């Protein structure tokens, strides 16, 4: 049997992004672009003041969706006005930058533009990222408004200190787009309900480095992007995620365990699997390592050649088999070697195996995109070239399907 997997997240990943009239609106462009990269569908709501800083066309280009604004706010669409329709479409609402004026309106329940009307109609998680002059931020009225919003369940992100647009120094700078994206992921995870919710998922990522001496190593070109995407997706579905990785993993809302060699990864995986439900071995673990490594640096001297005696590394996936653990393996092959992938799945005894051709142009190791085939117990699901976050959605779908069948 064979099937075709979806290439993008479903409509449940829509995020309303309200942008208001502050100089920090330029950061909102980066935020929207980042949300798209994370696998969300941003729907930008721009106030008239925000449009004096950034034209709607800019947000439409980076979000790949029309921008909602007051000009078309009260035109009926599908039987509902835009503020009701937008509020029903999205799962999370973010206001960034959130000016003192808009925060005051939200706290008082004023709905004199499309964004503030949506704020009244929206019933999901709301996140605000204040941005203003330090004196405005510290004014008792603003402090009271932020307190009122927080008491209603709105997540108020703290501002940063530094040089402000007015040239003064102080608190009031909008928090980084990365921090806002992190808050969005937390909001989605908190509302998740599915087979992965509450399950512990261990994901490995990156290529291991096997030491030759103090400065040299044997490694590969794996970027860790595929494993990171799977970890992010599992977290969004409510899983307790532990990412064991050889690559930097900043701005993550879940546990990260940094390792370097195959032996270190094997030890970390063993520890994390003590209470795990799912293992996803996306890491490119070296097949061989030097039999011994030099404590210092091998000097070139007069030698023309250098011979390094290699031995096999530990087979982490083979060592993890135990009843109740749902295991996912990866097979990176040179060429369309599905036959070898099928044999590997049988030999490893994994529940799923994800195959990709490392010779395919523009995908796989080090790239932002991938093209994979997911081998399940009964099917082979092809995911044509797409983002690694979309591939992670397809993989997580099959993990959840497998967990349902248990």
Protein backbone atom coordinates (compact mmCIF):
# COMPACT_ATOMS: atom_id res chain seq x y z
CA UNK A 1 0.00 0.00 0.00
CA UNK A 2 1.08 3.61 -0.47
CA UNK A 3 -0.28 7.01 0.41
CA UNK A 4 0.52 10.68 0.15
CA UNK A 5 1.01 12.69 3.33
CA UNK A 6 -0.12 16.29 3.75
CA UNK A 7 2.64 18.82 3.16
CA UNK A 8 1.52 21.50 5.63
CA UNK A 9 0.01 21.77 9.10
CA UNK A 10 -3.76 21.92 9.36
CA UNK A 11 -5.90 24.98 10.01
CA UNK A 12 -5.56 24.52 13.76
CA UNK A 13 -2.17 26.24 13.59
CA UNK A 14 -3.50 29.70 12.73
CA UNK A 15 -2.11 32.55 14.86
CA UNK A 16 -3.64 36.02 14.85
CA UNK A 17 -0.86 38.61 15.00
CA UNK A 18 -2.09 42.07 15.91
CA UNK A 19 0.38 44.83 15.02
CA UNK A 20 -0.05 48.35 16.38
CA UNK A 21 1.54 51.74 15.79
CA UNK A 22 4.94 51.60 17.43
CA UNK A 23 8.46 51.70 16.04
CA UNK A 24 8.91 48.07 17.16
CA UNK A 25 6.49 47.03 14.42
CA UNK A 26 9.50 46.25 12.25
CA UNK A 27 10.26 43.37 14.64
CA UNK A 28 6.76 42.02 13.93
CA UNK A 29 7.84 41.33 10.35
CA UNK A 30 10.56 39.04 11.68
CA UNK A 31 8.04 37.49 14.10
CA UNK A 32 5.61 36.66 11.31
CA UNK A 33 8.36 35.19 9.15
CA UNK A 34 9.52 33.07 12.10
CA UNK A 35 6.02 31.78 12.80
CA UNK A 36 5.76 30.60 9.20
CA UNK A 37 9.09 28.82 9.59
CA UNK A 38 7.75 27.20 12.79
CA UNK A 39 4.87 25.69 10.82
CA UNK A 40 2.15 28.15 11.86
CA UNK A 41 -0.15 30.23 9.65
CA UNK A 42 0.03 33.84 10.83
CA UNK A 43 -2.99 36.03 10.10
CA UNK A 44 -1.92 39.65 10.54
CA UNK A 45 -4.33 42.29 11.82
CA UNK A 46 -2.91 45.75 11.23
CA UNK A 47 -4.18 48.94 12.88
CA UNK A 48 -4.26 52.24 10.96
CA UNK A 49 -1.36 53.51 13.10
CA UNK A 50 0.72 50.40 12.32
CA UNK A 51 0.28 51.01 8.60
CA UNK A 52 2.10 54.32 8.95
CA UNK A 53 5.19 52.29 9.83
CA UNK A 54 4.86 49.13 7.69
CA UNK A 55 2.59 48.66 4.70
CA UNK A 56 0.17 45.69 4.75
CA UNK A 57 1.83 44.36 1.60
CA UNK A 58 4.98 43.56 3.61
CA UNK A 59 3.06 41.42 6.09
CA UNK A 60 1.07 39.77 3.31
CA UNK A 61 4.30 38.76 1.60
CA UNK A 62 5.95 37.22 4.68
CA UNK A 63 2.75 35.61 6.04
CA UNK A 64 1.57 34.36 2.64
CA UNK A 65 -1.96 35.48 3.56
CA UNK A 66 -4.09 38.64 3.19
CA UNK A 67 -3.77 41.25 5.93
CA UNK A 68 -6.87 42.23 7.88
CA UNK A 69 -7.36 45.94 8.50
CA UNK A 70 -10.02 48.51 9.27
CA UNK A 71 -10.64 49.30 5.61
CA UNK A 72 -12.29 45.92 5.09
CA UNK A 73 -13.23 45.28 8.73
CA UNK A 74 -16.97 45.57 8.48
CA UNK A 75 -17.53 43.85 5.17
CA UNK A 76 -19.57 40.73 5.71
CA UNK A 77 -17.82 37.48 4.73
CA UNK A 78 -19.38 34.03 4.85
CA UNK A 79 -22.23 35.27 7.01
CA UNK A 80 -19.95 36.76 9.68
CA UNK A 81 -18.18 40.07 10.06
CA UNK A 82 -14.40 40.03 10.03
CA UNK A 83 -13.86 40.41 13.77
CA UNK A 84 -16.04 37.36 14.50
CA UNK A 85 -14.68 35.33 11.60
CA UNK A 86 -11.05 36.02 12.53
CA UNK A 87 -11.66 35.25 16.21
CA UNK A 88 -13.16 31.88 15.28
CA UNK A 89 -10.38 31.03 12.82
CA UNK A 90 -7.32 31.24 15.07
CA UNK A 91 -6.09 29.28 18.07
CA UNK A 92 -3.79 31.94 19.58
CA UNK A 93 -3.83 35.75 19.51
CA UNK A 94 -0.61 37.76 19.78
CA UNK A 95 -0.41 41.56 19.94
CA UNK A 96 3.15 42.64 19.11
CA UNK A 97 4.02 45.40 19.46
CA UNK A 98 1.35 46.27 21.99
CA UNK A 99 1.34 50.03 22.47
CA UNK A 100 0.11 51.80 25.61
CA UNK A 101 -2.96 52.93 23.67
CA UNK A 102 -3.96 49.44 22.55
CA UNK A 103 -3.27 47.94 25.97
CA UNK A 104 -5.53 50.57 27.55
CA UNK A 105 -8.30 49.74 25.07
CA UNK A 106 -7.94 46.01 25.73
CA UNK A 107 -8.10 46.54 29.49
CA UNK A 108 -11.17 48.80 29.21
CA UNK A 109 -12.96 46.66 26.65
CA UNK A 110 -12.98 49.37 23.99
CA UNK A 111 -13.49 48.03 20.46
CA UNK A 112 -13.01 51.00 18.12
CA UNK A 113 -10.94 49.19 15.48
CA UNK A 114 -10.74 45.70 14.01
CA UNK A 115 -7.96 44.50 16.29
CA UNK A 116 -9.61 45.57 19.55
CA UNK A 117 -12.94 44.14 18.36
CA UNK A 118 -11.21 40.81 17.69
CA UNK A 119 -9.68 40.95 21.18
CA UNK A 120 -13.20 41.07 22.66
CA UNK A 121 -14.49 38.26 20.46
CA UNK A 122 -11.48 35.94 20.82
CA UNK A 123 -11.73 33.10 23.34
CA UNK A 124 -8.32 31.43 23.13
CA UNK A 125 -4.91 32.23 24.66
CA UNK A 126 -3.85 35.88 24.31
CA UNK A 127 -0.23 37.07 24.41
CA UNK A 128 0.84 40.72 24.47
CA UNK A 129 4.34 42.11 23.94
CA UNK A 130 4.36 45.72 25.22
CA UNK A 131 6.57 48.31 23.49
CA UNK A 132 6.78 52.00 24.42
CA UNK A 133 8.85 54.71 26.06
CA UNK A 134 10.02 53.86 29.57
CA UNK A 135 7.96 56.67 31.15
CA UNK A 136 4.79 55.45 29.44
CA UNK A 137 5.57 51.87 30.46
CA UNK A 138 6.04 52.85 34.10
CA UNK A 139 3.02 55.19 34.24
CA UNK A 140 0.50 54.00 36.85
CA UNK A 141 -2.23 53.75 34.20
CA UNK A 142 -0.16 51.39 32.04
CA UNK A 143 0.91 49.37 35.08
CA UNK A 144 -2.74 49.02 36.11
CA UNK A 145 -3.82 48.05 32.59
CA UNK A 146 -1.17 45.34 32.35
CA UNK A 147 -2.18 44.05 35.78
CA UNK A 148 -5.84 43.92 34.69
CA UNK A 149 -4.96 41.97 31.54
CA UNK A 150 -2.77 39.53 33.48
CA UNK A 151 -5.59 38.92 35.97
CA UNK A 152 -7.85 38.01 33.04
CA UNK A 153 -5.39 35.35 31.87
CA UNK A 154 -3.53 37.33 29.22
CA UNK A 155 0.17 36.43 29.06
CA UNK A 156 2.05 39.72 29.39
CA UNK A 157 5.62 39.34 28.16
CA UNK A 158 8.21 41.46 30.00
CA UNK A 159 9.87 44.28 28.14
CA UNK A 160 13.62 44.56 27.67
CA UNK A 161 15.91 47.36 28.80
CA UNK A 162 18.15 49.32 26.47
CA UNK A 163 18.20 52.25 24.09
CA UNK A 164 14.70 53.32 23.07
CA UNK A 165 13.55 54.90 19.80
CA UNK A 166 13.43 58.30 21.52
CA UNK A 167 17.14 58.02 22.31
CA UNK A 168 16.61 57.49 26.03
CA UNK A 169 17.65 54.42 27.99
CA UNK A 170 15.25 52.31 30.01
CA UNK A 171 12.66 49.56 30.03
CA UNK A 172 10.07 49.43 27.28
CA UNK A 173 11.75 47.67 24.36
CA UNK A 174 9.64 44.89 22.88
CA UNK A 175 10.89 41.42 23.71
CA UNK A 176 12.63 39.53 20.89
CA UNK A 177 10.58 37.77 18.18
CA UNK A 178 12.20 34.49 19.30
CA UNK A 179 10.78 34.94 22.80
CA UNK A 180 7.32 35.66 21.38
CA UNK A 181 7.49 32.56 19.18
CA UNK A 182 8.42 30.56 22.28
CA UNK A 183 5.33 31.89 24.06
CA UNK A 184 3.18 30.90 21.09
CA UNK A 185 4.54 27.36 21.20
CA UNK A 186 3.84 27.17 24.94
CA UNK A 187 0.26 28.30 24.34
CA UNK A 188 -0.34 25.65 21.69
CA UNK A 189 1.19 22.92 23.84
CA UNK A 190 -0.95 23.87 26.84
CA UNK A 191 -4.12 23.40 24.78
CA UNK A 192 -3.10 20.17 23.05
CA UNK A 193 -5.27 17.07 23.28
CA UNK A 194 -4.27 13.92 21.43
CA UNK A 195 -2.38 10.63 21.66
CA UNK A 196 0.95 12.40 22.31
CA UNK A 197 -0.41 14.66 25.05
CA UNK A 198 1.34 13.83 28.32
CA UNK A 199 3.61 11.23 26.70
CA UNK A 200 7.37 11.53 27.06
CA UNK A 201 9.09 11.71 23.68
CA UNK A 202 12.87 11.41 23.38
CA UNK A 203 14.33 12.79 20.13
CA UNK A 204 17.94 12.65 18.98
CA UNK A 205 19.38 15.08 16.45
CA UNK A 206 22.61 16.22 14.82
CA UNK A 207 25.74 14.39 13.76
CA UNK A 208 28.07 12.93 16.37
CA UNK A 209 31.75 13.86 16.57
CA UNK A 210 34.21 11.08 17.27
CA UNK A 211 37.46 12.39 18.68
CA UNK A 212 40.82 11.73 16.97
CA UNK A 213 42.85 14.08 19.15
CA UNK A 214 42.34 17.30 21.07
CA UNK A 215 41.45 19.28 17.92
CA UNK A 216 40.37 16.76 15.26
CA UNK A 217 37.31 14.56 14.96
CA UNK A 218 35.38 12.34 12.57
CA UNK A 219 31.93 13.75 11.88
CA UNK A 220 29.27 14.40 9.27
CA UNK A 221 27.27 17.30 7.83
CA UNK A 222 24.05 16.72 9.78
CA UNK A 223 22.54 20.03 10.95
CA UNK A 224 20.08 18.53 13.43
CA UNK A 225 17.20 20.46 11.78
CA UNK A 226 15.02 17.40 11.15
CA UNK A 227 15.28 16.15 14.72
CA UNK A 228 14.66 19.64 16.10
CA UNK A 229 11.55 19.93 13.91
CA UNK A 230 10.21 16.61 15.24
CA UNK A 231 10.91 17.70 18.83
CA UNK A 232 9.10 21.00 18.24
CA UNK A 233 6.11 19.22 16.69
CA UNK A 234 5.85 16.69 19.51
CA UNK A 235 5.93 19.53 22.04
CA UNK A 236 3.12 21.36 20.21
CA UNK A 237 1.03 18.21 20.55
CA UNK A 238 1.43 18.25 24.32
CA UNK A 239 4.30 15.79 24.73
CA UNK A 240 7.00 16.01 27.38
CA UNK A 241 10.01 16.32 25.10
CA UNK A 242 13.69 15.61 25.74
CA UNK A 243 15.99 16.50 22.85
CA UNK A 244 19.38 14.78 22.89
CA UNK A 245 21.46 16.70 20.41
CA UNK A 246 24.95 17.57 19.22
CA UNK A 247 23.77 20.96 17.92
CA UNK A 248 22.92 24.20 19.74
CA UNK A 249 19.22 24.30 20.65
CA UNK A 250 18.39 27.74 21.99
CA UNK A 251 14.90 29.06 22.71
CA UNK A 252 13.35 25.68 23.38
CA UNK A 253 10.50 25.17 25.86
CA UNK A 254 11.54 21.57 26.55
CA UNK A 255 14.53 19.72 27.98
CA UNK A 256 17.73 19.71 25.93
CA UNK A 257 20.66 17.37 26.61
CA UNK A 258 23.87 18.32 24.83
CA UNK A 259 26.21 15.51 23.72
CA UNK A 260 29.09 15.10 21.30
CA UNK A 261 30.02 11.46 20.64
CA UNK A 262 28.02 8.32 19.92
CA UNK A 263 28.89 6.95 23.37
CA UNK A 264 27.67 10.14 25.05
CA UNK A 265 24.46 10.05 23.04
CA UNK A 266 23.88 6.40 23.92
CA UNK A 267 24.31 7.14 27.63
CA UNK A 268 21.97 10.15 27.47
CA UNK A 269 19.32 8.18 25.58
CA UNK A 270 19.47 5.32 28.11
CA UNK A 271 18.90 7.79 30.93
CA UNK A 272 16.03 9.58 29.19
CA UNK A 273 14.30 6.34 28.19
CA UNK A 274 13.72 5.29 31.80
CA UNK A 275 10.31 6.94 31.74
CA UNK A 276 9.80 7.49 27.99
CA UNK A 277 6.96 6.40 25.73
CA UNK A 278 8.42 7.28 22.32
CA UNK A 279 11.95 7.39 20.89
CA UNK A 280 12.73 9.18 17.62
CA UNK A 281 16.31 8.49 16.49
CA UNK A 282 16.78 11.30 13.97
CA UNK A 283 20.47 11.82 14.77
CA UNK A 284 23.19 10.95 12.26
CA UNK A 285 25.28 8.78 14.57
CA UNK A 286 28.76 7.96 13.29
CA UNK A 287 29.15 4.31 12.29
CA UNK A 288 32.83 4.23 13.24
CA UNK A 289 35.14 5.93 15.73
CA UNK A 290 38.90 5.89 16.31
CA UNK A 291 39.99 2.95 18.44
CA UNK A 292 41.96 5.39 20.61
CA UNK A 293 42.39 9.13 20.68
CA UNK A 294 45.46 11.17 21.39
CA UNK A 295 45.31 13.24 24.60
CA UNK A 296 47.05 16.11 22.85
CA UNK A 297 47.46 17.08 19.19
CA UNK A 298 48.88 14.77 16.56
CA UNK A 299 51.81 16.60 15.01
CA UNK A 300 52.35 16.47 11.28
CA UNK A 301 56.14 16.46 11.56
CA UNK A 302 57.76 14.69 8.65
CA UNK A 303 54.95 12.20 8.05
CA UNK A 304 53.22 12.11 4.67
CA UNK A 305 50.27 9.95 5.75
CA UNK A 306 48.24 9.27 8.86
CA UNK A 307 46.43 6.02 9.54
CA UNK A 308 43.58 5.98 12.03
CA UNK A 309 42.32 2.60 13.23
CA UNK A 310 38.52 2.71 13.31
CA UNK A 311 36.08 0.50 15.22
CA UNK A 312 32.30 0.35 15.10
CA UNK A 313 30.28 2.62 17.36
CA UNK A 314 27.40 1.52 19.55
CA UNK A 315 24.09 0.78 17.79
CA UNK A 316 21.86 3.00 19.93
CA UNK A 317 18.60 2.08 18.22
CA UNK A 318 19.22 -1.65 18.52
CA UNK A 319 19.90 -1.30 22.25
CA UNK A 320 16.65 0.52 22.98
CA UNK A 321 14.14 -2.22 22.14
CA UNK A 322 11.78 -2.90 25.02
CA UNK A 323 8.05 -3.61 25.40
CA UNK A 324 5.86 -0.52 25.35
CA UNK A 325 8.40 1.84 23.76
CA UNK A 326 7.30 3.22 20.38
CA UNK A 327 10.46 3.55 18.28
CA UNK A 328 11.10 5.58 15.15
CA UNK A 329 14.26 5.08 13.11
CA UNK A 330 15.75 7.04 10.20
CA UNK A 331 17.47 5.68 7.11
CA UNK A 332 19.55 8.11 5.04
CA UNK A 333 20.56 6.24 1.91
CA UNK A 334 22.51 7.27 -1.20
CA UNK A 335 19.90 6.97 -3.93
CA UNK A 336 16.29 5.73 -4.01
CA UNK A 337 17.09 2.69 -1.86
CA UNK A 338 13.65 1.90 -0.44
CA UNK A 339 14.53 -1.78 -0.53
CA UNK A 340 17.37 -1.19 1.93
CA UNK A 341 15.10 0.95 4.11
CA UNK A 342 12.55 -1.87 4.30
CA UNK A 343 15.29 -4.29 5.30
CA UNK A 344 16.55 -1.88 7.97
CA UNK A 345 13.06 -1.50 9.41
CA UNK A 346 12.72 -5.25 9.72
CA UNK A 347 16.20 -5.68 11.20
CA UNK A 348 15.77 -2.92 13.78
CA UNK A 349 12.23 -3.94 14.69
CA UNK A 350 11.08 -0.31 14.82
CA UNK A 351 7.48 0.83 14.64
CA UNK A 352 8.22 3.49 12.00
CA UNK A 353 11.17 4.11 9.72
CA UNK A 354 11.73 7.41 7.91
CA UNK A 355 13.66 7.10 4.66
CA UNK A 356 15.32 9.90 2.68
CA UNK A 357 17.65 9.97 -0.31
CA UNK A 358 20.76 11.98 0.58
CA UNK A 359 21.64 12.41 -3.11
CA UNK A 360 18.38 14.20 -3.93
CA UNK A 361 19.10 17.83 -4.76
CA UNK A 362 18.22 20.52 -2.23
CA UNK A 363 16.90 18.24 0.51
CA UNK A 364 18.15 16.18 3.43
CA UNK A 365 21.39 16.73 5.32
CA UNK A 366 22.01 20.40 6.12
CA UNK A 367 19.03 21.65 4.07
CA UNK A 368 15.86 23.37 5.30
CA UNK A 369 13.69 21.01 3.25
CA UNK A 370 13.35 17.28 2.97
CA UNK A 371 11.58 14.59 0.97
CA UNK A 372 10.81 11.45 2.94
CA UNK A 373 8.98 8.16 2.87
CA UNK A 374 7.51 6.93 6.15
CA UNK A 375 7.40 3.15 6.47
CA UNK A 376 4.71 2.00 8.91
CA UNK A 377 3.55 -1.50 9.78
CA UNK A 378 1.10 -1.50 6.86
CA UNK A 379 1.90 1.43 4.60
CA UNK A 380 4.56 3.51 2.88
CA UNK A 381 3.65 7.19 3.00
CA UNK A 382 5.44 9.54 0.64
CA UNK A 383 6.03 13.16 1.68
CA UNK A 384 7.21 15.13 -1.38
CA UNK A 385 9.76 17.91 -1.02
CA UNK A 386 8.62 20.35 1.65
CA UNK A 387 9.87 22.07 4.79
CA UNK A 388 11.29 19.94 7.57
CA UNK A 389 8.59 21.28 9.89
CA UNK A 390 5.95 19.92 7.49
CA UNK A 391 7.81 16.59 7.37
CA UNK A 392 7.73 16.57 11.17
CA UNK A 393 3.94 17.02 11.06
CA UNK A 394 3.63 13.94 8.86
CA UNK A 395 5.93 11.92 11.14
CA UNK A 396 4.04 13.00 14.27
CA UNK A 397 0.75 12.09 12.58
CA UNK A 398 2.00 8.54 12.04
CA UNK A 399 3.35 8.30 15.59
CA UNK A 400 -0.07 9.28 16.92
CA UNK A 401 -1.74 6.81 14.58
CA UNK A 402 0.55 4.07 15.88
CA UNK A 403 -0.15 4.98 19.50
CA UNK A 404 -3.90 4.86 18.84
CA UNK A 405 -3.51 1.30 17.60
CA UNK A 406 -1.94 0.11 20.84
